[in-house]
Protein backbone atom coordinates (compact mmCIF):
# COMPACT_ATOMS: atom_id res chain seq x y z
CA MET A 1 -21.64 59.66 21.10
CA THR A 2 -19.67 56.58 21.99
CA VAL A 3 -20.50 53.26 20.23
CA VAL A 4 -19.78 49.88 22.13
CA ALA A 5 -19.57 46.77 20.31
CA ASP A 6 -20.48 43.39 20.54
CA GLU A 7 -17.93 40.77 20.82
CA ALA A 8 -17.80 38.68 17.93
CA VAL A 9 -18.92 34.44 19.31
CA VAL A 10 -17.04 31.65 18.77
CA VAL A 11 -18.84 28.51 19.74
CA GLY A 12 -16.44 26.52 22.32
CA ALA A 13 -14.30 30.32 22.76
CA SER A 14 -15.87 30.84 26.24
CA SER A 15 -16.38 27.38 27.17
CA ILE A 16 -13.56 27.34 30.37
CA GLU A 17 -14.13 23.50 30.36
CA PRO A 18 -12.05 21.10 27.62
CA LEU A 19 -15.33 18.65 27.38
CA SER A 20 -17.83 20.71 27.04
CA GLN A 21 -20.87 19.70 23.74
CA ALA A 22 -19.28 23.19 22.65
CA ASN A 23 -15.59 21.40 22.27
CA LEU A 24 -16.14 18.01 21.83
CA ALA A 25 -18.63 18.75 18.37
CA GLN A 26 -16.27 21.51 17.56
CA TRP A 27 -13.11 18.14 17.42
CA SER A 28 -15.74 15.73 16.22
CA MET A 29 -16.64 17.90 13.12
CA GLY A 30 -12.46 18.26 12.18
CA LEU A 31 -12.01 14.69 12.99
CA LEU A 32 -14.69 13.62 10.67
CA PHE A 33 -13.53 16.15 8.28
CA VAL A 34 -10.22 14.68 8.53
CA LEU A 35 -10.39 11.31 8.03
CA LEU A 36 -13.54 11.94 4.72
CA LEU A 37 -10.08 13.21 3.47
CA ILE A 38 -7.81 10.45 4.34
CA LEU A 39 -10.93 7.79 3.11
CA MET A 40 -11.53 10.40 -0.39
CA GLY A 41 -7.75 10.59 -1.29
CA ALA A 42 -7.32 6.65 -0.84
CA TRP A 43 -10.48 6.30 -3.29
CA LEU A 44 -8.86 8.47 -5.79
CA LEU A 45 -5.48 6.80 -5.34
CA LYS A 46 -6.94 3.72 -6.38
CA ARG A 47 -9.32 4.79 -8.74
CA PHE A 48 -6.43 6.38 -10.43
CA VAL A 49 -3.23 4.63 -9.73
CA VAL A 50 -2.53 1.53 -12.03
CA SER A 51 -1.81 -1.16 -9.77
CA GLY A 52 1.55 -3.16 -10.25
CA SER A 53 -1.03 -6.71 -10.25
CA GLY A 54 -1.25 -6.73 -14.50
CA SER A 55 -0.71 -9.77 -16.30
CA ASN A 56 1.04 -7.62 -19.15
CA LYS A 57 3.38 -6.10 -16.72
CA PRO A 58 7.14 -8.25 -17.36
CA LEU A 59 7.65 -9.30 -14.18
CA ASN A 60 5.10 -11.49 -12.81
CA VAL A 61 4.41 -14.12 -10.19
CA LEU A 62 3.02 -17.39 -11.05
CA SER A 63 2.59 -19.62 -8.84
CA GLY A 64 4.65 -20.50 -5.19
CA ILE A 65 4.27 -23.10 -3.31
CA SER A 66 5.91 -23.14 1.17
CA LEU A 67 8.03 -25.71 1.77
CA GLY A 68 8.21 -24.95 5.11
CA GLY A 69 7.85 -21.89 7.33
CA ARG A 70 9.78 -19.31 5.86
CA GLU A 71 10.78 -21.07 2.38
CA LYS A 72 9.28 -21.02 -0.49
CA VAL A 73 9.53 -22.04 -4.66
CA VAL A 74 8.13 -19.69 -6.54
CA LEU A 75 7.72 -19.88 -11.10
CA ILE A 76 7.61 -15.96 -11.56
CA GLN A 77 7.79 -15.22 -15.55
CA ALA A 78 10.65 -12.37 -16.44
CA GLY A 79 9.96 -11.06 -20.11
CA GLU A 80 9.66 -14.40 -22.39
CA GLN A 81 11.02 -16.38 -19.68
CA ARG A 82 10.19 -19.05 -16.81
CA LEU A 83 11.90 -18.61 -13.26
CA LEU A 84 11.97 -21.64 -10.67
CA LEU A 85 13.00 -19.59 -7.61
CA GLY A 86 14.09 -20.64 -4.27
CA VAL A 87 13.62 -18.53 -1.55
CA SER A 88 13.91 -18.27 1.74
CA PRO A 89 14.65 -14.96 4.10
CA GLY A 90 17.51 -12.91 2.99
CA ARG A 91 18.36 -15.34 -0.32
CA VAL A 92 16.20 -16.71 -3.44
CA VAL A 93 18.59 -18.79 -5.89
CA LYS A 94 17.77 -19.58 -9.20
CA LEU A 95 16.52 -23.52 -8.98
CA HIS A 96 15.93 -23.65 -13.07
CA THR A 97 15.06 -22.00 -16.06
CA PHE A 98 12.86 -22.50 -18.11
CA ASP A 99 12.95 -22.29 -22.33
CA LYS A 100 10.16 -20.78 -23.90
CA GLY A 101 7.17 -22.91 -24.56
CA GLU A 102 8.93 -25.88 -22.10
CA LEU A 103 5.96 -25.12 -19.74
CA THR A 104 3.16 -25.47 -22.21
CA GLY A 105 -0.15 -25.14 -21.09
CA PHE A 106 0.73 -23.47 -17.95
CA GLU A 107 -2.07 -21.03 -18.24
CA HIS A 108 -5.07 -23.11 -19.22
CA GLN A 109 -4.32 -25.16 -15.60
CA ALA A 110 -5.49 -21.74 -13.30
CA ASN A 111 -7.41 -24.29 -10.76
CA ALA A 112 -4.63 -26.40 -10.54
CA SER A 113 -1.90 -25.91 -7.53
CA PHE A 114 1.77 -25.67 -8.41
CA GLN A 115 2.58 -29.41 -7.24
CA ASP A 116 0.29 -30.57 -9.36
CA SER A 117 1.86 -28.51 -12.16
CA LEU A 118 5.39 -29.38 -11.27
CA ASN A 119 5.11 -32.64 -11.71
CA GLN A 120 3.07 -33.16 -14.53
CA PHE A 121 5.93 -31.28 -15.94
CA VAL A 122 8.72 -33.74 -14.17
CA LYS A 123 6.36 -36.29 -16.10
CA VAL A 124 6.43 -34.85 -18.85
CA LYS A 125 10.73 -34.45 -19.19
CA LYS A 126 11.37 -37.67 -18.23
CA LYS A 127 9.12 -39.09 -20.80
CA SER A 128 11.00 -36.55 -23.28
């Protein structure tokens, strides 16, 4: 007595043409699965990794203004100090260090531009 077994059928395995419906369906499902894994990983990273833009971090960029195509003046807070930095490609220069309390009320001027804040500071500095 001989027993003959049927071969296992694998979708797309017996197809000779690479662009058959079975092969395209298999590739599409694989691609969709990989894209879903990437999106889920990105969402998990965004959800559970703390971003560096919080206000309680020791270094914050408070404001900045562009002086040209590649030059900027930036006001940062490093701990309790506020620094005015000149930034250009390949170089950062400290222009001024503000003492604690020297720029009072800066946080309340969230809608004011950096240039207006700097002009107000210069006016206050000239008076004293």
